[in-house]
Structure formats: structure tokens, C-alpha cells
Amino acid sequence: MIIDQEEDYPINFEKFINRFATEDNCYDYITSLRWPNGFICPRCQSTKAWKTDRNLMHCTKCGRQTSVIAGTLFQDTRKPLRLWFHVMWWVMSQKTGTSAKNLTHAMGFRRYETAWIWLHKLRRAMIRTGRERLRGTVEVDETYIGGEE
């Protein structure tokens, strides 16, 4: 399934809940990000595969099973991807930022440490290395910085 990411990203929470209503929706979204032009086996480069019950891509040519979430911040998680997606939406929608304590209460984590680890993983994932520096007039939360002196 090939998805146009610009048109597929939900613009509000209601659309978000509908778009990612199931675990399969979340896995399909990650699959479309990982292989935007369709699955390619990392071993034999075949494009034919089927999805297993454990959300692995099983190559029909060489038999290799590839995890959709391997090498991502979701790797080795025991929590549902739907929870991860909800946490990501919640963190991004907080205008003043969030803390692990707030996340623990808002998302029902039993342990503060889990929320802390998740926040650090998400914050690391949001950093884009090699990004271009801002220049000119920049608006940040209704505050202008830069421009003419």
C-alpha cells in the first residue's frame, strides 16, 4: 500500500483517532514511511512479501522476515503502537512542552521511568542533523526574531 504522507497526516485529534484506530493502521503507516515505493527485502531486494500475524514482512523469494519497526524508536517495545502514536500526538500538541511526570499521568503509565525514557526517545527522534539554520524573519509562538536591525 503506497500512501501520500502529505495528504495522509491527520490535521486534528478526531482525524488522528480515526486514522490510527487500530494497530494495523499504525503498522501500515510505518510500513509506508519505511518503504514508500513498496516493500524491498534487505537480503535479496525482492519486492514480493506477505505480512505475518506478528507484523513481520516475509519475503516470498528468500524467506527472510523483516520487522517493520526494527531500527526505529519502536524497536523492542512491549507497548502497542497506538499508545506510541497517542503519546507522540500529545507531546507535539503541548504548547509549553511536557514532562515525564505529566506524561505519566496523562497516558496512564505505571512508572515515571517509562515515561522519561519515551520522552527522551521522542526528543532524540525530533532532532534533524545537518539541518539548515534559520534565517530572515522567523515567527516563534507569536514572537518575531531577526529581520531588519
C-alpha atoms as a PDB file:
ATOM      1  CA  MET A   1       0.000   0.000   0.000  1.00  0.00           C
ATOM      2  CA  ILE A   2       1.517   3.322  -1.092  1.00  0.00           C
ATOM      3  CA  ILE A   3       0.332   6.345   0.900  1.00  0.00           C
ATOM      4  CA  ASP A   4       0.923  10.021   0.135  1.00  0.00           C
ATOM      5  CA  GLN A   5       2.247  11.187   3.523  1.00  0.00           C
ATOM      6  CA  GLU A   6       1.348  14.849   2.997  1.00  0.00           C
ATOM      7  CA  GLU A   7      -2.317  14.003   2.435  1.00  0.00           C
ATOM      8  CA  ASP A   8      -2.415  11.198   4.999  1.00  0.00           C
ATOM      9  CA  TYR A   9      -1.319  13.054   8.125  1.00  0.00           C
ATOM     10  CA  PRO A  10      -4.314  13.964  10.328  1.00  0.00           C
ATOM     11  CA  ILE A  11      -4.899  17.678  10.908  1.00  0.00           C
ATOM     12  CA  ASN A  12      -6.787  17.377  14.218  1.00  0.00           C
ATOM     13  CA  PHE A  13      -7.231  14.876  17.056  1.00  0.00           C
ATOM     14  CA  GLU A  14     -10.539  13.500  15.785  1.00  0.00           C
ATOM     15  CA  LYS A  15      -8.991  12.710  12.401  1.00  0.00           C
ATOM     16  CA  PHE A  16      -5.948  11.299  14.199  1.00  0.00           C
ATOM     17  CA  ILE A  17      -8.086   8.881  16.243  1.00  0.00           C
ATOM     18  CA  ASN A  18      -9.936   7.753  13.114  1.00  0.00           C
ATOM     19  CA  ARG A  19      -6.746   7.390  11.062  1.00  0.00           C
ATOM     20  CA  PHE A  20      -4.922   5.326  13.709  1.00  0.00           C
ATOM     21  CA  ALA A  21      -7.863   3.403  15.164  1.00  0.00           C
ATOM     22  CA  THR A  22      -6.091   0.028  15.097  1.00  0.00           C
ATOM     23  CA  GLU A  23      -2.605  -1.435  15.483  1.00  0.00           C
ATOM     24  CA  ASP A  24      -2.744  -2.416  11.813  1.00  0.00           C
ATOM     25  CA  ASN A  25      -3.328   1.241  10.860  1.00  0.00           C
ATOM     26  CA  CYS A  26      -0.166   2.186  12.772  1.00  0.00           C
ATOM     27  CA  TYR A  27       1.902  -0.633  11.258  1.00  0.00           C
ATOM     28  CA  ASP A  28       0.658   0.227   7.765  1.00  0.00           C
ATOM     29  CA  TYR A  29       1.643   3.866   8.283  1.00  0.00           C
ATOM     30  CA  ILE A  30       5.153   2.949   9.440  1.00  0.00           C
ATOM     31  CA  THR A  31       5.452   0.486   6.540  1.00  0.00           C
ATOM     32  CA  SER A  32       4.557   3.262   4.083  1.00  0.00           C
ATOM     33  CA  LEU A  33       7.224   5.513   5.630  1.00  0.00           C
ATOM     34  CA  ARG A  34       9.878   2.793   5.600  1.00  0.00           C
ATOM     35  CA  TRP A  35       9.115   1.553   2.076  1.00  0.00           C
ATOM     36  CA  PRO A  36       7.301   4.406   0.275  1.00  0.00           C
ATOM     37  CA  ASN A  37       7.504   2.585  -3.064  1.00  0.00           C
ATOM     38  CA  GLY A  38       6.581  -0.798  -1.617  1.00  0.00           C
ATOM     39  CA  PHE A  39       8.486  -3.440   0.338  1.00  0.00           C
ATOM     40  CA  ILE A  40      12.080  -4.284  -0.666  1.00  0.00           C
ATOM     41  CA  CYS A  41      13.748  -7.240   1.030  1.00  0.00           C
ATOM     42  CA  PRO A  42      17.020  -6.163   2.690  1.00  0.00           C
ATOM     43  CA  ARG A  43      18.612  -9.521   1.828  1.00  0.00           C
ATOM     44  CA  CYS A  44      17.622 -10.245  -1.782  1.00  0.00           C
ATOM     45  CA  GLN A  45      15.970  -6.975  -2.930  1.00  0.00           C
ATOM     46  CA  SER A  46      12.761  -8.815  -3.879  1.00  0.00           C
ATOM     47  CA  THR A  47       9.583  -6.760  -3.800  1.00  0.00           C
ATOM     48  CA  LYS A  48       7.226  -9.634  -3.054  1.00  0.00           C
ATOM     49  CA  ALA A  49       6.301 -10.348   0.539  1.00  0.00           C
ATOM     50  CA  TRP A  50       3.382 -11.029   2.803  1.00  0.00           C
ATOM     51  CA  LYS A  51       2.645  -9.739   6.282  1.00  0.00           C
ATOM     52  CA  THR A  52       2.706 -12.277   9.125  1.00  0.00           C
ATOM     53  CA  ASP A  53       0.449 -12.299  12.187  1.00  0.00           C
ATOM     54  CA  ARG A  54       3.331 -10.727  14.148  1.00  0.00           C
ATOM     55  CA  ASN A  55       3.584  -7.778  11.715  1.00  0.00           C
ATOM     56  CA  LEU A  56       6.733  -9.068  10.037  1.00  0.00           C
ATOM     57  CA  MET A  57       7.272  -8.860   6.292  1.00  0.00           C
ATOM     58  CA  HIS A  58       8.023 -12.357   4.979  1.00  0.00           C
ATOM     59  CA  CYS A  59       9.940 -12.276   1.685  1.00  0.00           C
ATOM     60  CA  THR A  60       8.487 -14.804  -0.773  1.00  0.00           C
ATOM     61  CA  LYS A  61      11.838 -15.209  -2.554  1.00  0.00           C
ATOM     62  CA  CYS A  62      14.380 -15.785   0.246  1.00  0.00           C
ATOM     63  CA  GLY A  63      12.101 -16.316   3.248  1.00  0.00           C
ATOM     64  CA  ARG A  64      13.664 -13.576   5.387  1.00  0.00           C
ATOM     65  CA  GLN A  65      11.333 -11.993   7.898  1.00  0.00           C
ATOM     66  CA  THR A  66      11.849  -8.281   8.405  1.00  0.00           C
ATOM     67  CA  SER A  67      10.318  -6.274  11.216  1.00  0.00           C
ATOM     68  CA  VAL A  68       8.668  -3.045  10.172  1.00  0.00           C
ATOM     69  CA  ILE A  69       9.759  -1.397  13.426  1.00  0.00           C
ATOM     70  CA  ALA A  70      13.357  -2.708  13.509  1.00  0.00           C
ATOM     71  CA  GLY A  71      15.809   0.179  13.703  1.00  0.00           C
ATOM     72  CA  THR A  72      13.126   2.634  14.807  1.00  0.00           C
ATOM     73  CA  LEU A  73      12.374   4.082  18.221  1.00  0.00           C
ATOM     74  CA  PHE A  74       9.605   1.459  18.466  1.00  0.00           C
ATOM     75  CA  GLN A  75      12.048  -1.463  18.278  1.00  0.00           C
ATOM     76  CA  ASP A  76      11.744  -3.853  21.252  1.00  0.00           C
ATOM     77  CA  THR A  77       8.688  -2.051  22.625  1.00  0.00           C
ATOM     78  CA  ARG A  78       6.130  -4.086  24.510  1.00  0.00           C
ATOM     79  CA  LYS A  79       3.535  -1.342  24.331  1.00  0.00           C
ATOM     80  CA  PRO A  80       1.029  -1.011  21.470  1.00  0.00           C
ATOM     81  CA  LEU A  81       1.958   1.302  18.611  1.00  0.00           C
ATOM     82  CA  ARG A  82      -1.379   3.044  19.107  1.00  0.00           C
ATOM     83  CA  LEU A  83      -0.150   4.182  22.532  1.00  0.00           C
ATOM     84  CA  TRP A  84       3.125   5.380  20.993  1.00  0.00           C
ATOM     85  CA  PHE A  85       1.175   7.346  18.373  1.00  0.00           C
ATOM     86  CA  HIS A  86      -1.075   8.882  21.034  1.00  0.00           C
ATOM     87  CA  VAL A  87       1.941   9.879  23.107  1.00  0.00           C
ATOM     88  CA  MET A  88       3.610  11.446  20.055  1.00  0.00           C
ATOM     89  CA  TRP A  89       0.451  13.428  19.247  1.00  0.00           C
ATOM     90  CA  TRP A  90       0.105  14.537  22.869  1.00  0.00           C
ATOM     91  CA  VAL A  91       3.755  15.607  23.186  1.00  0.00           C
ATOM     92  CA  MET A  92       3.607  17.571  19.934  1.00  0.00           C
ATOM     93  CA  SER A  93       0.330  19.281  20.841  1.00  0.00           C
ATOM     94  CA  GLN A  94       1.585  20.697  24.165  1.00  0.00           C
ATOM     95  CA  LYS A  95       2.399  24.341  23.507  1.00  0.00           C
ATOM     96  CA  THR A  96       4.568  24.675  26.620  1.00  0.00           C
ATOM     97  CA  GLY A  97       6.234  21.280  26.359  1.00  0.00           C
ATOM     98  CA  THR A  98       5.708  18.317  28.616  1.00  0.00           C
ATOM     99  CA  SER A  99       7.420  16.496  31.421  1.00  0.00           C
ATOM    100  CA  ALA A 100       7.714  12.808  32.207  1.00  0.00           C
ATOM    101  CA  LYS A 101       5.513  13.385  35.263  1.00  0.00           C
ATOM    102  CA  ASN A 102       2.752  14.949  33.131  1.00  0.00           C
ATOM    103  CA  LEU A 103       3.091  12.171  30.557  1.00  0.00           C
ATOM    104  CA  THR A 104       2.863   9.517  33.277  1.00  0.00           C
ATOM    105  CA  HIS A 105      -0.462  10.916  34.482  1.00  0.00           C
ATOM    106  CA  ALA A 106      -1.913  11.803  31.078  1.00  0.00           C
ATOM    107  CA  MET A 107      -1.199   8.454  29.424  1.00  0.00           C
ATOM    108  CA  GLY A 108      -1.553   6.177  32.425  1.00  0.00           C
ATOM    109  CA  PHE A 109       1.992   4.885  32.688  1.00  0.00           C
ATOM    110  CA  ARG A 110       2.617   2.942  35.885  1.00  0.00           C
ATOM    111  CA  ARG A 111       6.235   4.040  36.122  1.00  0.00           C
ATOM    112  CA  TYR A 112       7.736   7.506  35.805  1.00  0.00           C
ATOM    113  CA  GLU A 113      10.904   5.931  34.342  1.00  0.00           C
ATOM    114  CA  THR A 114       8.974   4.559  31.352  1.00  0.00           C
ATOM    115  CA  ALA A 115       7.564   7.985  30.517  1.00  0.00           C
ATOM    116  CA  TRP A 116      11.026   9.546  30.948  1.00  0.00           C
ATOM    117  CA  ILE A 117      12.605   7.025  28.536  1.00  0.00           C
ATOM    118  CA  TRP A 118       9.838   7.525  25.978  1.00  0.00           C
ATOM    119  CA  LEU A 119      10.207  11.314  26.102  1.00  0.00           C
ATOM    120  CA  HIS A 120      13.951  11.064  25.588  1.00  0.00           C
ATOM    121  CA  LYS A 121      13.498   8.708  22.644  1.00  0.00           C
ATOM    122  CA  LEU A 122      10.980  11.080  21.077  1.00  0.00           C
ATOM    123  CA  ARG A 123      13.153  14.138  21.667  1.00  0.00           C
ATOM    124  CA  ARG A 124      16.165  12.409  20.063  1.00  0.00           C
ATOM    125  CA  ALA A 125      13.994  11.436  17.086  1.00  0.00           C
ATOM    126  CA  MET A 126      12.893  15.055  16.588  1.00  0.00           C
ATOM    127  CA  ILE A 127      16.453  16.284  16.037  1.00  0.00           C
ATOM    128  CA  ARG A 128      17.318  16.566  12.358  1.00  0.00           C
ATOM    129  CA  THR A 129      21.092  16.520  11.983  1.00  0.00           C
ATOM    130  CA  GLY A 130      22.601  18.692   9.270  1.00  0.00           C
ATOM    131  CA  ARG A 131      19.561  20.936   9.199  1.00  0.00           C
ATOM    132  CA  GLU A 132      19.795  24.392   7.720  1.00  0.00           C
ATOM    133  CA  ARG A 133      19.992  27.301  10.170  1.00  0.00           C
ATOM    134  CA  LEU A 134      17.018  29.622  10.379  1.00  0.00           C
ATOM    135  CA  ARG A 135      17.485  32.973   8.668  1.00  0.00           C
ATOM    136  CA  GLY A 136      15.486  36.083   7.899  1.00  0.00           C
ATOM    137  CA  THR A 137      12.347  36.804   9.881  1.00  0.00           C
ATOM    138  CA  VAL A 138      11.225  33.844  11.987  1.00  0.00           C
ATOM    139  CA  GLU A 139       7.965  33.685  13.951  1.00  0.00           C
ATOM    140  CA  VAL A 140       8.019  31.503  17.063  1.00  0.00           C
ATOM    141  CA  ASP A 141       4.856  31.424  19.168  1.00  0.00           C
ATOM    142  CA  GLU A 142       3.813  34.888  18.026  1.00  0.00           C
ATOM    143  CA  THR A 143       7.284  36.348  18.664  1.00  0.00           C
ATOM    144  CA  TYR A 144       9.426  37.676  15.830  1.00  0.00           C
ATOM    145  CA  ILE A 145      13.203  37.244  15.977  1.00  0.00           C
ATOM    146  CA  GLY A 146      15.660  38.515  13.392  1.00  0.00           C
ATOM    147  CA  GLY A 147      14.951  40.573  10.313  1.00  0.00           C
ATOM    148  CA  GLU A 148      15.991  44.170   9.886  1.00  0.00           C
ATOM    149  CA  GLU A 149      18.090  45.793  12.619  1.00  0.00           C
END
